[in-house]
Amino acid sequence: DTAEISMYIGEDYRGRGIGRELTGAILKAGQEAGLHMVISCITEGNAASLHLGKELGFRRIGVIKEAGRKFGKVLDVYLNQIILDPRPVDRNKGEKAGLRKRDEE
């Protein structure tokens, strides 16, 4: 299973570790819930978010070129992921190798 993470920290609250704490708690909850991976999309120029993601284990997997406009500038969006469950996935069956398939909901 995969989830996407996105958050906004208001200007008055940045630099206090709130993003790090929230992201860490979300990743821990995702791992406990059995997620395989979490993805994030971060706009070009957001150095703080890119740095935090890298520190927490996210890796860049791609770029969406010229994805949109912000403040009158055309920007790229960076695709990032973190694997929470490192066990290999059986791509033929769509389930983690060595585990029995969970009941479909």
N, C-alpha and C. Protein backbone atom coordinates (compact mmCIF):
# COMPACT_ATOMS: atom_id res chain seq x y z
N ASP A 1 0.84 -1.19 0.00
CA ASP A 1 0.00 0.00 0.00
C ASP A 1 0.88 1.25 0.00
N THR A 2 0.39 2.27 -0.63
CA THR A 2 1.13 3.53 -0.77
C THR A 2 0.24 4.68 -0.33
N ALA A 3 0.86 5.67 0.31
CA ALA A 3 0.14 6.89 0.70
C ALA A 3 0.97 8.09 0.25
N GLU A 4 0.30 9.22 0.12
CA GLU A 4 0.98 10.47 -0.24
C GLU A 4 0.90 11.40 0.95
N ILE A 5 1.99 12.11 1.23
CA ILE A 5 2.03 13.03 2.36
C ILE A 5 2.19 14.45 1.84
N SER A 6 1.45 15.36 2.45
CA SER A 6 1.55 16.77 2.10
C SER A 6 1.14 17.58 3.32
N MET A 7 1.87 18.65 3.60
CA MET A 7 1.49 19.50 4.72
C MET A 7 1.97 20.91 4.46
N TYR A 8 1.38 21.83 5.16
CA TYR A 8 1.78 23.23 5.09
C TYR A 8 1.97 23.74 6.50
N ILE A 9 3.11 24.35 6.77
CA ILE A 9 3.38 24.95 8.06
C ILE A 9 3.36 26.46 7.85
N GLY A 10 2.51 27.16 8.57
CA GLY A 10 2.40 28.60 8.45
C GLY A 10 3.72 29.30 8.76
N GLU A 11 3.94 30.43 8.10
CA GLU A 11 5.20 31.17 8.25
C GLU A 11 5.59 31.40 9.70
N ASP A 12 4.65 31.76 10.54
CA ASP A 12 4.95 32.07 11.95
C ASP A 12 5.41 30.85 12.74
N TYR A 13 5.23 29.65 12.19
CA TYR A 13 5.55 28.43 12.93
C TYR A 13 6.72 27.65 12.33
N ARG A 14 7.30 28.15 11.27
CA ARG A 14 8.41 27.45 10.62
C ARG A 14 9.68 27.57 11.44
N GLY A 15 10.56 26.57 11.27
CA GLY A 15 11.84 26.59 11.96
C GLY A 15 11.79 26.13 13.40
N ARG A 16 10.66 25.58 13.81
CA ARG A 16 10.49 25.12 15.19
C ARG A 16 10.48 23.60 15.31
N GLY A 17 10.69 22.90 14.21
CA GLY A 17 10.70 21.44 14.24
C GLY A 17 9.32 20.81 14.11
N ILE A 18 8.31 21.63 13.85
CA ILE A 18 6.94 21.10 13.75
C ILE A 18 6.80 20.16 12.56
N GLY A 19 7.34 20.55 11.41
CA GLY A 19 7.28 19.70 10.22
C GLY A 19 7.98 18.37 10.43
N ARG A 20 9.14 18.41 11.06
CA ARG A 20 9.90 17.18 11.34
C ARG A 20 9.10 16.27 12.28
N GLU A 21 8.53 16.85 13.33
CA GLU A 21 7.76 16.06 14.30
C GLU A 21 6.52 15.44 13.66
N LEU A 22 5.78 16.25 12.90
CA LEU A 22 4.57 15.74 12.25
C LEU A 22 4.90 14.66 11.22
N THR A 23 5.91 14.92 10.39
CA THR A 23 6.27 13.94 9.37
C THR A 23 6.74 12.64 10.02
N GLY A 24 7.55 12.74 11.05
CA GLY A 24 8.00 11.54 11.76
C GLY A 24 6.84 10.74 12.33
N ALA A 25 5.87 11.44 12.93
CA ALA A 25 4.71 10.76 13.50
C ALA A 25 3.86 10.11 12.40
N ILE A 26 3.72 10.79 11.28
CA ILE A 26 2.93 10.24 10.16
C ILE A 26 3.62 9.00 9.60
N LEU A 27 4.93 9.06 9.41
CA LEU A 27 5.66 7.90 8.89
C LEU A 27 5.59 6.72 9.85
N LYS A 28 5.71 6.99 11.14
CA LYS A 28 5.60 5.92 12.14
C LYS A 28 4.21 5.28 12.10
N ALA A 29 3.18 6.11 12.03
CA ALA A 29 1.81 5.58 11.97
C ALA A 29 1.59 4.78 10.68
N GLY A 30 2.16 5.25 9.58
CA GLY A 30 2.05 4.53 8.32
C GLY A 30 2.73 3.18 8.39
N GLN A 31 3.89 3.14 9.00
CA GLN A 31 4.62 1.88 9.15
C GLN A 31 3.81 0.91 10.01
N GLU A 32 3.27 1.42 11.12
CA GLU A 32 2.46 0.57 12.01
C GLU A 32 1.19 0.08 11.32
N ALA A 33 0.68 0.87 10.37
CA ALA A 33 -0.53 0.48 9.64
C ALA A 33 -0.22 -0.47 8.48
N GLY A 34 1.07 -0.72 8.24
CA GLY A 34 1.44 -1.67 7.19
C GLY A 34 1.68 -1.06 5.82
N LEU A 35 1.86 0.26 5.75
CA LEU A 35 2.16 0.87 4.45
C LEU A 35 3.50 0.37 3.93
N HIS A 36 3.58 0.23 2.64
CA HIS A 36 4.85 -0.14 2.01
C HIS A 36 5.69 1.11 1.73
N MET A 37 5.05 2.16 1.22
CA MET A 37 5.79 3.37 0.91
C MET A 37 4.94 4.61 1.05
N VAL A 38 5.63 5.75 1.20
CA VAL A 38 4.98 7.07 1.23
C VAL A 38 5.67 7.92 0.17
N ILE A 39 4.88 8.65 -0.59
CA ILE A 39 5.42 9.54 -1.61
C ILE A 39 5.10 10.99 -1.24
N SER A 40 5.94 11.89 -1.74
CA SER A 40 5.68 13.33 -1.55
C SER A 40 6.01 14.06 -2.83
N CYS A 41 5.35 15.16 -3.06
CA CYS A 41 5.59 16.03 -4.21
C CYS A 41 5.94 17.40 -3.65
N ILE A 42 7.15 17.87 -3.95
CA ILE A 42 7.62 19.13 -3.38
C ILE A 42 8.00 20.07 -4.52
N THR A 43 7.48 21.28 -4.45
CA THR A 43 7.72 22.28 -5.48
C THR A 43 9.15 22.77 -5.47
N GLU A 44 9.69 22.95 -6.64
CA GLU A 44 11.02 23.52 -6.83
C GLU A 44 11.14 24.81 -6.01
N GLY A 45 12.28 24.99 -5.38
CA GLY A 45 12.52 26.19 -4.59
C GLY A 45 12.20 26.02 -3.11
N ASN A 46 11.55 24.93 -2.74
CA ASN A 46 11.21 24.69 -1.34
C ASN A 46 12.36 23.90 -0.69
N ALA A 47 13.48 24.59 -0.51
CA ALA A 47 14.70 23.95 -0.02
C ALA A 47 14.52 23.31 1.35
N ALA A 48 13.77 23.96 2.24
CA ALA A 48 13.59 23.43 3.60
C ALA A 48 12.87 22.09 3.56
N SER A 49 11.81 21.98 2.77
CA SER A 49 11.06 20.71 2.69
C SER A 49 11.88 19.63 2.01
N LEU A 50 12.63 19.99 0.96
CA LEU A 50 13.48 19.01 0.29
C LEU A 50 14.56 18.50 1.24
N HIS A 51 15.15 19.39 2.02
CA HIS A 51 16.19 19.01 2.97
C HIS A 51 15.62 18.10 4.08
N LEU A 52 14.48 18.49 4.62
CA LEU A 52 13.86 17.68 5.67
C LEU A 52 13.53 16.29 5.16
N GLY A 53 12.93 16.22 3.98
CA GLY A 53 12.59 14.91 3.42
C GLY A 53 13.82 14.03 3.27
N LYS A 54 14.91 14.61 2.78
CA LYS A 54 16.14 13.84 2.61
C LYS A 54 16.66 13.35 3.95
N GLU A 55 16.62 14.21 4.97
CA GLU A 55 17.07 13.81 6.31
C GLU A 55 16.23 12.67 6.88
N LEU A 56 14.95 12.65 6.55
CA LEU A 56 14.05 11.62 7.08
C LEU A 56 14.06 10.34 6.26
N GLY A 57 14.81 10.33 5.15
CA GLY A 57 14.94 9.11 4.36
C GLY A 57 14.24 9.10 3.03
N PHE A 58 13.59 10.20 2.65
CA PHE A 58 12.96 10.27 1.32
C PHE A 58 14.05 10.38 0.26
N ARG A 59 13.81 9.76 -0.89
CA ARG A 59 14.74 9.82 -2.02
C ARG A 59 13.98 10.33 -3.24
N ARG A 60 14.65 11.18 -4.03
CA ARG A 60 14.03 11.71 -5.25
C ARG A 60 13.94 10.60 -6.28
N ILE A 61 12.75 10.45 -6.87
CA ILE A 61 12.55 9.42 -7.88
C ILE A 61 12.16 10.00 -9.23
N GLY A 62 11.93 11.30 -9.29
CA GLY A 62 11.58 11.89 -10.57
C GLY A 62 11.23 13.36 -10.45
N VAL A 63 11.01 13.97 -11.60
CA VAL A 63 10.66 15.39 -11.67
C VAL A 63 9.54 15.56 -12.67
N ILE A 64 8.52 16.31 -12.29
CA ILE A 64 7.48 16.73 -13.23
C ILE A 64 7.89 18.13 -13.69
N LYS A 65 8.33 18.24 -14.92
CA LYS A 65 8.83 19.51 -15.45
C LYS A 65 7.68 20.48 -15.69
N GLU A 66 7.90 21.73 -15.30
CA GLU A 66 6.95 22.81 -15.56
C GLU A 66 5.53 22.44 -15.14
N ALA A 67 5.39 21.93 -13.92
CA ALA A 67 4.12 21.40 -13.44
C ALA A 67 3.08 22.48 -13.13
N GLY A 68 3.53 23.67 -12.85
CA GLY A 68 2.55 24.71 -12.54
C GLY A 68 3.21 26.05 -12.33
N ARG A 69 2.38 27.02 -11.98
CA ARG A 69 2.87 28.37 -11.73
C ARG A 69 2.66 28.73 -10.28
N LYS A 70 3.65 29.45 -9.75
CA LYS A 70 3.57 29.95 -8.38
C LYS A 70 4.32 31.27 -8.35
N PHE A 71 3.64 32.29 -7.87
CA PHE A 71 4.24 33.62 -7.81
C PHE A 71 4.74 34.08 -9.18
N GLY A 72 3.97 33.73 -10.23
CA GLY A 72 4.30 34.17 -11.58
C GLY A 72 5.45 33.42 -12.23
N LYS A 73 5.92 32.34 -11.62
CA LYS A 73 7.05 31.58 -12.16
C LYS A 73 6.61 30.14 -12.43
N VAL A 74 7.05 29.58 -13.56
CA VAL A 74 6.78 28.18 -13.88
C VAL A 74 7.76 27.32 -13.08
N LEU A 75 7.25 26.33 -12.37
CA LEU A 75 8.08 25.52 -11.47
C LEU A 75 7.94 24.03 -11.75
N ASP A 76 9.01 23.32 -11.44
CA ASP A 76 9.00 21.86 -11.48
C ASP A 76 8.52 21.34 -10.13
N VAL A 77 8.08 20.09 -10.12
CA VAL A 77 7.71 19.42 -8.88
C VAL A 77 8.56 18.15 -8.77
N TYR A 78 9.18 17.98 -7.61
CA TYR A 78 10.03 16.82 -7.37
C TYR A 78 9.22 15.71 -6.71
N LEU A 79 9.32 14.51 -7.27
CA LEU A 79 8.66 13.34 -6.70
C LEU A 79 9.66 12.62 -5.80
N ASN A 80 9.23 12.32 -4.59
CA ASN A 80 10.09 11.68 -3.59
C ASN A 80 9.36 10.49 -2.97
N GLN A 81 10.12 9.52 -2.51
CA GLN A 81 9.50 8.38 -1.85
C GLN A 81 10.37 7.87 -0.72
N ILE A 82 9.72 7.21 0.22
CA ILE A 82 10.42 6.49 1.27
C ILE A 82 9.75 5.12 1.37
N ILE A 83 10.56 4.08 1.42
CA ILE A 83 10.06 2.71 1.58
C ILE A 83 10.00 2.43 3.08
N LEU A 84 8.82 2.18 3.59
CA LEU A 84 8.65 1.90 5.02
C LEU A 84 8.81 0.43 5.34
N ASP A 85 8.40 -0.42 4.40
CA ASP A 85 8.48 -1.87 4.58
C ASP A 85 9.44 -2.41 3.53
N PRO A 86 10.68 -2.73 3.92
CA PRO A 86 11.68 -3.13 2.94
C PRO A 86 11.53 -4.54 2.37
N ARG A 87 10.56 -5.30 2.86
CA ARG A 87 10.39 -6.65 2.31
C ARG A 87 10.00 -6.55 0.84
N PRO A 88 10.54 -7.43 0.02
CA PRO A 88 10.24 -7.37 -1.42
C PRO A 88 8.77 -7.65 -1.71
N VAL A 89 8.27 -7.02 -2.75
CA VAL A 89 6.90 -7.23 -3.18
C VAL A 89 6.91 -8.22 -4.34
N ASP A 90 6.05 -9.23 -4.28
CA ASP A 90 5.89 -10.16 -5.39
C ASP A 90 5.04 -9.46 -6.43
N ARG A 91 5.67 -8.93 -7.46
CA ARG A 91 4.97 -8.11 -8.46
C ARG A 91 3.94 -8.91 -9.24
N ASN A 92 4.10 -10.24 -9.30
CA ASN A 92 3.15 -11.07 -10.03
C ASN A 92 1.84 -11.25 -9.25
N LYS A 93 1.93 -11.21 -7.93
CA LYS A 93 0.75 -11.45 -7.11
C LYS A 93 0.27 -10.18 -6.42
N GLY A 94 1.08 -9.13 -6.44
CA GLY A 94 0.67 -7.90 -5.79
C GLY A 94 0.70 -7.98 -4.27
N GLU A 95 1.54 -8.85 -3.74
CA GLU A 95 1.63 -8.96 -2.28
C GLU A 95 3.09 -9.12 -1.88
N LYS A 96 3.35 -8.87 -0.63
CA LYS A 96 4.72 -8.98 -0.13
C LYS A 96 5.13 -10.44 -0.08
N ALA A 97 6.33 -10.71 -0.56
CA ALA A 97 6.84 -12.08 -0.59
C ALA A 97 6.91 -12.63 0.84
N GLY A 98 6.44 -13.86 0.98
CA GLY A 98 6.52 -14.53 2.26
C GLY A 98 5.35 -14.22 3.19
N LEU A 99 4.45 -13.39 2.78
CA LEU A 99 3.29 -13.06 3.60
C LEU A 99 2.02 -13.54 2.92
N ARG A 100 1.05 -13.93 3.70
CA ARG A 100 -0.21 -14.30 3.08
C ARG A 100 -0.99 -13.03 2.79
N LYS A 101 -1.78 -13.08 1.76
CA LYS A 101 -2.53 -11.90 1.33
C LYS A 101 -3.58 -11.54 2.36
N ARG A 102 -3.65 -10.24 2.66
CA ARG A 102 -4.67 -9.76 3.59
C ARG A 102 -6.03 -9.78 2.92
N ASP A 103 -7.05 -9.90 3.74
CA ASP A 103 -8.41 -9.89 3.19
C ASP A 103 -8.67 -8.57 2.48
N GLU A 104 -9.31 -8.63 1.34
CA GLU A 104 -9.65 -7.43 0.60
C GLU A 104 -10.79 -6.71 1.32
N GLU A 105 -10.69 -5.41 1.39
CA GLU A 105 -11.74 -4.64 2.07
C GLU A 105 -12.68 -4.02 1.08
